[in-house]
Amino acid sequence: APVFAEARYSARVAENNAAGALVLTVRATDADWGQNARVRYRLWEGRVRGAPLSSYVSVQAETG
């Protein structure tokens, strides 16, 4: 299974942050080889004040 570099990640986002601004980078590795070692990232779809989390932030699937 993939192992994250940190047990927990946290970030503060300034109000009126510019669209596309970097908020946080996460990193995980997998001890497998080749394609089995590939790690892809995604957000768990939650809600913020009734709106989907994805309407506020996105994640780059390949890089975290």
Protein backbone atom coordinates (compact mmCIF):
# COMPACT_ATOMS: atom_id res chain seq x y z
CA ALA A 1 0.00 0.00 0.00
CA PRO A 2 1.17 3.58 -0.59
CA VAL A 3 2.82 5.33 2.35
CA PHE A 4 2.47 9.09 2.78
CA ALA A 5 5.48 11.19 3.79
CA GLU A 6 3.39 12.77 6.58
CA ALA A 7 0.76 11.12 8.77
CA ARG A 8 -1.50 14.17 8.39
CA TYR A 9 -1.50 17.23 6.15
CA SER A 10 -2.96 20.61 6.94
CA ALA A 11 -3.02 23.95 5.12
CA ARG A 12 -4.42 27.42 5.63
CA VAL A 13 -5.78 29.21 2.61
CA ALA A 14 -5.86 32.99 2.47
CA GLU A 15 -9.18 34.58 1.64
CA ASN A 16 -9.44 35.62 -2.02
CA ASN A 17 -6.53 33.40 -3.00
CA ALA A 18 -5.75 33.58 -6.72
CA ALA A 19 -7.27 30.83 -8.87
CA GLY A 20 -4.71 28.12 -9.54
CA ALA A 21 -2.51 29.02 -6.56
CA LEU A 22 -0.65 26.16 -4.88
CA VAL A 23 -2.13 25.39 -1.49
CA LEU A 24 -0.46 22.16 -0.40
CA THR A 25 1.68 19.37 -1.81
CA VAL A 26 1.40 15.79 -0.55
CA ARG A 27 3.74 12.92 -1.28
CA ALA A 28 3.30 9.17 -1.12
CA THR A 29 5.46 6.29 -2.29
CA ASP A 30 4.73 2.66 -3.01
CA ALA A 31 7.39 -0.06 -2.62
CA ASP A 32 6.07 -2.06 -5.61
CA TRP A 33 7.77 -2.02 -9.02
CA GLY A 34 6.73 -0.50 -12.35
CA GLN A 35 3.05 0.30 -12.84
CA ASN A 36 2.22 -1.19 -9.43
CA ALA A 37 4.37 1.46 -7.77
CA ARG A 38 2.44 4.28 -9.44
CA VAL A 39 0.57 6.53 -7.01
CA ARG A 40 -2.40 8.63 -8.13
CA TYR A 41 -4.05 11.27 -5.97
CA ARG A 42 -7.65 12.43 -5.66
CA LEU A 43 -9.79 14.38 -3.23
CA TRP A 44 -12.46 12.77 -1.15
CA GLU A 45 -15.56 14.65 -2.30
CA GLY A 46 -16.81 16.56 0.71
CA ARG A 47 -18.85 19.70 1.02
CA VAL A 48 -17.95 23.20 2.22
CA ARG A 49 -20.89 25.38 3.21
CA GLY A 50 -23.14 23.20 1.08
CA ALA A 51 -20.97 23.38 -2.07
CA PRO A 52 -18.82 20.51 -3.39
CA LEU A 53 -15.20 20.65 -2.23
CA SER A 54 -14.16 20.35 -5.89
CA SER A 55 -15.67 23.78 -6.58
CA TYR A 56 -12.97 25.25 -4.29
CA VAL A 57 -9.87 23.12 -4.84
CA SER A 58 -8.48 20.50 -7.21
CA VAL A 59 -5.64 18.02 -7.08
CA GLN A 60 -3.13 17.04 -9.74
CA ALA A 61 -3.64 13.28 -9.92
CA GLU A 62 -0.08 12.48 -10.98
CA THR A 63 1.86 14.76 -8.65
CA GLY A 64 -0.29 15.33 -5.56
